[in-house]
Amino acid sequence: MKSKDPSKDDVAFTRVTTGVATAVATTTVIHTSKGVMATLVRHPLILFGLGIAAGYFTHKYRKEIMLIACKTAEQSKHFVLRQKENIQDLLEEFPEEAGGRDIAK
């Protein structure tokens, strides 16, 4: 009867399998994208058409794009402030190792 807990060998096998699958997928994507880019360079009309399509969709969804960009900027600002507070908390816990420096300015 098998136990429900995965053994260390099963976990290691899963990690190796996942790593190999990721490497194969990455290689395939890189190889495919090289072919696509070579095709686009050889056919400038296709590249021009893709530029027009990209411009159309950018103009059509410009408000949504700006909203997402502003939201992302706000979230990144909050992330930096949280990290700054975390560093200050760590420095307060270990004042002798900080040497009296105030890094979080």
C-alpha atoms as a PDB file:
ATOM      1  CA  MET A   1       0.000   0.000   0.000  1.00  0.00           C
ATOM      2  CA  LYS A   2       1.422   3.396  -1.021  1.00  0.00           C
ATOM      3  CA  SER A   3       1.411   6.326   1.326  1.00  0.00           C
ATOM      4  CA  LYS A   4      -0.211   9.560   0.228  1.00  0.00           C
ATOM      5  CA  ASP A   5       2.889  11.627   1.075  1.00  0.00           C
ATOM      6  CA  PRO A   6       5.266  11.989  -1.857  1.00  0.00           C
ATOM      7  CA  SER A   7       8.715  10.671  -1.152  1.00  0.00           C
ATOM      8  CA  LYS A   8      11.843  12.738  -1.729  1.00  0.00           C
ATOM      9  CA  ASP A   9      12.549  10.760  -4.902  1.00  0.00           C
ATOM     10  CA  ASP A  10       9.136  11.634  -6.341  1.00  0.00           C
ATOM     11  CA  VAL A  11       9.614  15.320  -5.570  1.00  0.00           C
ATOM     12  CA  ALA A  12      13.095  15.338  -7.120  1.00  0.00           C
ATOM     13  CA  PHE A  13      11.796  13.530 -10.210  1.00  0.00           C
ATOM     14  CA  THR A  14       8.974  16.066 -10.549  1.00  0.00           C
ATOM     15  CA  ARG A  15      11.428  18.965 -10.273  1.00  0.00           C
ATOM     16  CA  VAL A  16      13.743  17.478 -12.895  1.00  0.00           C
ATOM     17  CA  THR A  17      10.824  16.757 -15.222  1.00  0.00           C
ATOM     18  CA  THR A  18       9.487  20.280 -14.801  1.00  0.00           C
ATOM     19  CA  GLY A  19      12.920  21.757 -15.502  1.00  0.00           C
ATOM     20  CA  VAL A  20      13.366  19.686 -18.651  1.00  0.00           C
ATOM     21  CA  ALA A  21       9.872  20.551 -19.894  1.00  0.00           C
ATOM     22  CA  THR A  22      10.516  24.243 -19.284  1.00  0.00           C
ATOM     23  CA  ALA A  23      13.803  24.091 -21.163  1.00  0.00           C
ATOM     24  CA  VAL A  24      12.178  22.346 -24.126  1.00  0.00           C
ATOM     25  CA  ALA A  25       9.333  24.873 -24.230  1.00  0.00           C
ATOM     26  CA  THR A  26      11.748  27.811 -24.016  1.00  0.00           C
ATOM     27  CA  THR A  27      13.912  26.428 -26.797  1.00  0.00           C
ATOM     28  CA  THR A  28      10.863  25.870 -29.001  1.00  0.00           C
ATOM     29  CA  VAL A  29       9.563  29.403 -28.449  1.00  0.00           C
ATOM     30  CA  ILE A  30      12.958  30.958 -29.179  1.00  0.00           C
ATOM     31  CA  HIS A  31      13.406  28.896 -32.338  1.00  0.00           C
ATOM     32  CA  THR A  32       9.885  29.719 -33.549  1.00  0.00           C
ATOM     33  CA  SER A  33      10.246  33.439 -32.851  1.00  0.00           C
ATOM     34  CA  LYS A  34      13.468  33.568 -34.868  1.00  0.00           C
ATOM     35  CA  GLY A  35      11.566  32.188 -37.866  1.00  0.00           C
ATOM     36  CA  VAL A  36       8.725  34.647 -37.403  1.00  0.00           C
ATOM     37  CA  MET A  37      11.086  37.614 -37.133  1.00  0.00           C
ATOM     38  CA  ALA A  38      13.003  36.490 -40.231  1.00  0.00           C
ATOM     39  CA  THR A  39       9.711  36.321 -42.138  1.00  0.00           C
ATOM     40  CA  LEU A  40       8.726  39.807 -40.974  1.00  0.00           C
ATOM     41  CA  VAL A  41      12.063  41.267 -42.019  1.00  0.00           C
ATOM     42  CA  ARG A  42      11.758  39.737 -45.476  1.00  0.00           C
ATOM     43  CA  HIS A  43       8.188  41.027 -45.937  1.00  0.00           C
ATOM     44  CA  PRO A  44       7.963  44.689 -44.951  1.00  0.00           C
ATOM     45  CA  LEU A  45       4.325  44.911 -46.043  1.00  0.00           C
ATOM     46  CA  ILE A  46       3.382  42.406 -43.323  1.00  0.00           C
ATOM     47  CA  LEU A  47       5.387  44.420 -40.799  1.00  0.00           C
ATOM     48  CA  PHE A  48       3.613  47.597 -41.919  1.00  0.00           C
ATOM     49  CA  GLY A  49       0.225  45.880 -41.541  1.00  0.00           C
ATOM     50  CA  LEU A  50       1.118  44.692 -38.039  1.00  0.00           C
ATOM     51  CA  GLY A  51       2.147  48.245 -37.154  1.00  0.00           C
ATOM     52  CA  ILE A  52      -1.201  49.591 -38.346  1.00  0.00           C
ATOM     53  CA  ALA A  53      -3.067  46.891 -36.379  1.00  0.00           C
ATOM     54  CA  ALA A  54      -1.033  47.641 -33.245  1.00  0.00           C
ATOM     55  CA  GLY A  55      -1.701  51.359 -33.626  1.00  0.00           C
ATOM     56  CA  TYR A  56      -5.424  50.757 -34.109  1.00  0.00           C
ATOM     57  CA  PHE A  57      -5.745  48.606 -30.995  1.00  0.00           C
ATOM     58  CA  THR A  58      -3.572  50.970 -28.970  1.00  0.00           C
ATOM     59  CA  HIS A  59      -5.823  53.888 -29.961  1.00  0.00           C
ATOM     60  CA  LYS A  60      -8.995  51.863 -29.360  1.00  0.00           C
ATOM     61  CA  TYR A  61      -7.949  50.742 -25.859  1.00  0.00           C
ATOM     62  CA  ARG A  62      -5.903  53.810 -24.881  1.00  0.00           C
ATOM     63  CA  LYS A  63      -8.058  54.611 -21.829  1.00  0.00           C
ATOM     64  CA  GLU A  64      -7.761  51.064 -20.498  1.00  0.00           C
ATOM     65  CA  ILE A  65      -4.012  51.075 -21.154  1.00  0.00           C
ATOM     66  CA  MET A  66      -3.574  54.353 -19.268  1.00  0.00           C
ATOM     67  CA  LEU A  67      -5.730  53.089 -16.398  1.00  0.00           C
ATOM     68  CA  ILE A  68      -3.649  49.916 -16.091  1.00  0.00           C
ATOM     69  CA  ALA A  69      -0.396  51.907 -16.311  1.00  0.00           C
ATOM     70  CA  CYS A  70      -1.499  54.291 -13.571  1.00  0.00           C
ATOM     71  CA  LYS A  71      -2.671  51.425 -11.378  1.00  0.00           C
ATOM     72  CA  THR A  72       0.638  49.607 -11.871  1.00  0.00           C
ATOM     73  CA  ALA A  73       2.609  52.745 -11.011  1.00  0.00           C
ATOM     74  CA  GLU A  74       0.570  53.210  -7.848  1.00  0.00           C
ATOM     75  CA  GLN A  75       1.057  49.578  -6.816  1.00  0.00           C
ATOM     76  CA  SER A  76       4.795  49.781  -7.414  1.00  0.00           C
ATOM     77  CA  LYS A  77       4.960  52.926  -5.284  1.00  0.00           C
ATOM     78  CA  HIS A  78       3.170  51.125  -2.453  1.00  0.00           C
ATOM     79  CA  PHE A  79       5.471  48.128  -2.862  1.00  0.00           C
ATOM     80  CA  VAL A  80       8.573  50.299  -2.510  1.00  0.00           C
ATOM     81  CA  LEU A  81       7.147  51.987   0.584  1.00  0.00           C
ATOM     82  CA  ARG A  82       6.315  48.592   2.169  1.00  0.00           C
ATOM     83  CA  GLN A  83       9.830  47.347   1.471  1.00  0.00           C
ATOM     84  CA  LYS A  84      11.291  50.512   2.975  1.00  0.00           C
ATOM     85  CA  GLU A  85       9.210  49.962   6.116  1.00  0.00           C
ATOM     86  CA  ASN A  86      10.332  46.326   6.276  1.00  0.00           C
ATOM     87  CA  ILE A  87      13.984  47.389   6.086  1.00  0.00           C
ATOM     88  CA  GLN A  88      13.421  49.950   8.840  1.00  0.00           C
ATOM     89  CA  ASP A  89      11.808  47.264  11.007  1.00  0.00           C
ATOM     90  CA  LEU A  90      14.767  44.945  10.439  1.00  0.00           C
ATOM     91  CA  LEU A  91      17.236  47.701  11.288  1.00  0.00           C
ATOM     92  CA  GLU A  92      15.333  48.476  14.495  1.00  0.00           C
ATOM     93  CA  GLU A  93      15.574  44.812  15.525  1.00  0.00           C
ATOM     94  CA  PHE A  94      19.353  44.739  15.057  1.00  0.00           C
ATOM     95  CA  PRO A  95      20.672  48.238  15.846  1.00  0.00           C
ATOM     96  CA  GLU A  96      24.194  47.081  16.748  1.00  0.00           C
ATOM     97  CA  GLU A  97      24.702  45.467  13.335  1.00  0.00           C
ATOM     98  CA  ALA A  98      23.473  48.562  11.492  1.00  0.00           C
ATOM     99  CA  GLY A  99      26.276  50.604  13.051  1.00  0.00           C
ATOM    100  CA  GLY A 100      24.035  53.597  13.650  1.00  0.00           C
ATOM    101  CA  ARG A 101      23.524  54.219   9.926  1.00  0.00           C
ATOM    102  CA  ASP A 102      20.113  55.213   8.628  1.00  0.00           C
ATOM    103  CA  ILE A 103      19.900  53.369   5.312  1.00  0.00           C
ATOM    104  CA  ALA A 104      16.192  53.953   4.703  1.00  0.00           C
ATOM    105  CA  LYS A 105      16.425  57.675   3.978  1.00  0.00           C
END
